[in-house]
Amino acid sequence: MPTVNIYDAKATFSRLIAAAEAGETVVIARNGRPVAQLGPIAPVDRPVTFGDLKGQVAIGDDFGEWTDQDERDWFGA
């Protein structure tokens, strides 16, 4: 796991991102002290598709109603 200082990380950011894409983890240091880590993220098991939450989200019966209390709460009228 290579360590680079912040100045070099800024100068070679694209190269560090390419290394992360290749599965490598890079430690970024300030004044020789590790402060951050750049690395690959876990792959997503499957893409998120429209309708994934079907049946899991409940919308109240009064969702489409706008009351005088709502008006006061939102606009202070």
C-alpha atoms as a PDB file:
ATOM      1  CA  MET A   1       0.000   0.000   0.000  1.00  0.00           C
ATOM      2  CA  PRO A   2       1.920   3.061  -1.210  1.00  0.00           C
ATOM      3  CA  THR A   3       1.842   6.352   0.685  1.00  0.00           C
ATOM      4  CA  VAL A   4       1.877   9.732  -1.064  1.00  0.00           C
ATOM      5  CA  ASN A   5       1.821  13.210   0.393  1.00  0.00           C
ATOM      6  CA  ILE A   6      -1.036  15.589  -0.340  1.00  0.00           C
ATOM      7  CA  TYR A   7       0.960  17.711  -2.779  1.00  0.00           C
ATOM      8  CA  ASP A   8       1.871  14.665  -4.885  1.00  0.00           C
ATOM      9  CA  ALA A   9      -1.672  13.307  -4.607  1.00  0.00           C
ATOM     10  CA  LYS A  10      -3.058  16.547  -6.079  1.00  0.00           C
ATOM     11  CA  ALA A  11      -0.478  16.475  -8.867  1.00  0.00           C
ATOM     12  CA  THR A  12      -1.135  12.823  -9.766  1.00  0.00           C
ATOM     13  CA  PHE A  13      -4.800  12.448  -8.869  1.00  0.00           C
ATOM     14  CA  SER A  14      -5.763  10.785 -12.176  1.00  0.00           C
ATOM     15  CA  ARG A  15      -3.039   8.187 -11.713  1.00  0.00           C
ATOM     16  CA  LEU A  16      -4.205   7.492  -8.156  1.00  0.00           C
ATOM     17  CA  ILE A  17      -7.794   7.039  -9.346  1.00  0.00           C
ATOM     18  CA  ALA A  18      -6.580   4.608 -12.013  1.00  0.00           C
ATOM     19  CA  ALA A  19      -4.718   2.675  -9.302  1.00  0.00           C
ATOM     20  CA  ALA A  20      -7.894   2.521  -7.190  1.00  0.00           C
ATOM     21  CA  GLU A  21      -9.864   1.284 -10.187  1.00  0.00           C
ATOM     22  CA  ALA A  22      -7.242  -1.449 -10.567  1.00  0.00           C
ATOM     23  CA  GLY A  23      -7.861  -2.531  -6.966  1.00  0.00           C
ATOM     24  CA  GLU A  24      -4.952  -0.794  -5.247  1.00  0.00           C
ATOM     25  CA  THR A  25      -5.282   1.190  -2.015  1.00  0.00           C
ATOM     26  CA  VAL A  26      -3.214   4.363  -1.576  1.00  0.00           C
ATOM     27  CA  VAL A  27      -2.607   6.169   1.721  1.00  0.00           C
ATOM     28  CA  ILE A  28      -2.475   9.969   1.566  1.00  0.00           C
ATOM     29  CA  ALA A  29      -0.318  11.667   4.194  1.00  0.00           C
ATOM     30  CA  ARG A  30       0.170  15.192   5.501  1.00  0.00           C
ATOM     31  CA  ASN A  31       3.664  15.879   6.837  1.00  0.00           C
ATOM     32  CA  GLY A  32       4.358  12.144   6.816  1.00  0.00           C
ATOM     33  CA  ARG A  33       1.269  11.314   8.914  1.00  0.00           C
ATOM     34  CA  PRO A  34      -1.468   9.223   7.198  1.00  0.00           C
ATOM     35  CA  VAL A  35      -4.732  11.155   7.029  1.00  0.00           C
ATOM     36  CA  ALA A  36      -6.773   9.504   4.262  1.00  0.00           C
ATOM     37  CA  GLN A  37      -7.071   6.374   2.229  1.00  0.00           C
ATOM     38  CA  LEU A  38      -8.050   6.079  -1.427  1.00  0.00           C
ATOM     39  CA  GLY A  39      -9.088   2.716  -2.738  1.00  0.00           C
ATOM     40  CA  PRO A  40     -11.584   0.660  -4.674  1.00  0.00           C
ATOM     41  CA  ILE A  41     -15.186   0.391  -3.599  1.00  0.00           C
ATOM     42  CA  ALA A  42     -17.094  -2.848  -3.416  1.00  0.00           C
ATOM     43  CA  PRO A  43     -18.973  -3.595  -6.606  1.00  0.00           C
ATOM     44  CA  VAL A  44     -22.741  -3.230  -6.569  1.00  0.00           C
ATOM     45  CA  ASP A  45     -24.438  -6.624  -6.557  1.00  0.00           C
ATOM     46  CA  ARG A  46     -27.023  -5.529  -9.074  1.00  0.00           C
ATOM     47  CA  PRO A  47     -28.184  -2.288 -10.600  1.00  0.00           C
ATOM     48  CA  VAL A  48     -30.966  -0.434  -8.862  1.00  0.00           C
ATOM     49  CA  THR A  49     -34.094  -0.479 -10.965  1.00  0.00           C
ATOM     50  CA  PHE A  50     -37.335   1.436 -10.941  1.00  0.00           C
ATOM     51  CA  GLY A  51     -39.834  -0.188  -8.621  1.00  0.00           C
ATOM     52  CA  ASP A  52     -37.338  -1.721  -6.157  1.00  0.00           C
ATOM     53  CA  LEU A  53     -39.231  -0.192  -3.228  1.00  0.00           C
ATOM     54  CA  LYS A  54     -42.677  -1.219  -4.432  1.00  0.00           C
ATOM     55  CA  GLY A  55     -44.795  -2.162  -1.444  1.00  0.00           C
ATOM     56  CA  GLN A  56     -42.221  -0.840   1.052  1.00  0.00           C
ATOM     57  CA  VAL A  57     -43.194   2.836   1.047  1.00  0.00           C
ATOM     58  CA  ALA A  58     -46.466   3.965   2.589  1.00  0.00           C
ATOM     59  CA  ILE A  59     -48.098   7.239   1.560  1.00  0.00           C
ATOM     60  CA  GLY A  60     -50.744   8.683   3.847  1.00  0.00           C
ATOM     61  CA  ASP A  61     -54.340   9.004   2.691  1.00  0.00           C
ATOM     62  CA  ASP A  62     -54.143  12.790   3.103  1.00  0.00           C
ATOM     63  CA  PHE A  63     -50.994  13.172   0.955  1.00  0.00           C
ATOM     64  CA  GLY A  64     -52.657  15.325  -1.704  1.00  0.00           C
ATOM     65  CA  GLU A  65     -54.544  17.579   0.701  1.00  0.00           C
ATOM     66  CA  TRP A  66     -53.350  21.079   1.598  1.00  0.00           C
ATOM     67  CA  THR A  67     -54.840  22.417   4.807  1.00  0.00           C
ATOM     68  CA  ASP A  68     -54.886  25.824   6.460  1.00  0.00           C
ATOM     69  CA  GLN A  69     -52.489  24.406   9.065  1.00  0.00           C
ATOM     70  CA  ASP A  70     -50.068  23.433   6.268  1.00  0.00           C
ATOM     71  CA  GLU A  71     -50.260  26.995   4.975  1.00  0.00           C
ATOM     72  CA  ARG A  72     -49.391  28.380   8.407  1.00  0.00           C
ATOM     73  CA  ASP A  73     -46.593  25.842   8.949  1.00  0.00           C
ATOM     74  CA  TRP A  74     -44.955  26.561   5.586  1.00  0.00           C
ATOM     75  CA  PHE A  75     -45.522  30.277   5.151  1.00  0.00           C
ATOM     76  CA  GLY A  76     -46.239  31.569   8.653  1.00  0.00           C
ATOM     77  CA  ALA A  77     -49.465  33.132   7.446  1.00  0.00           C
END
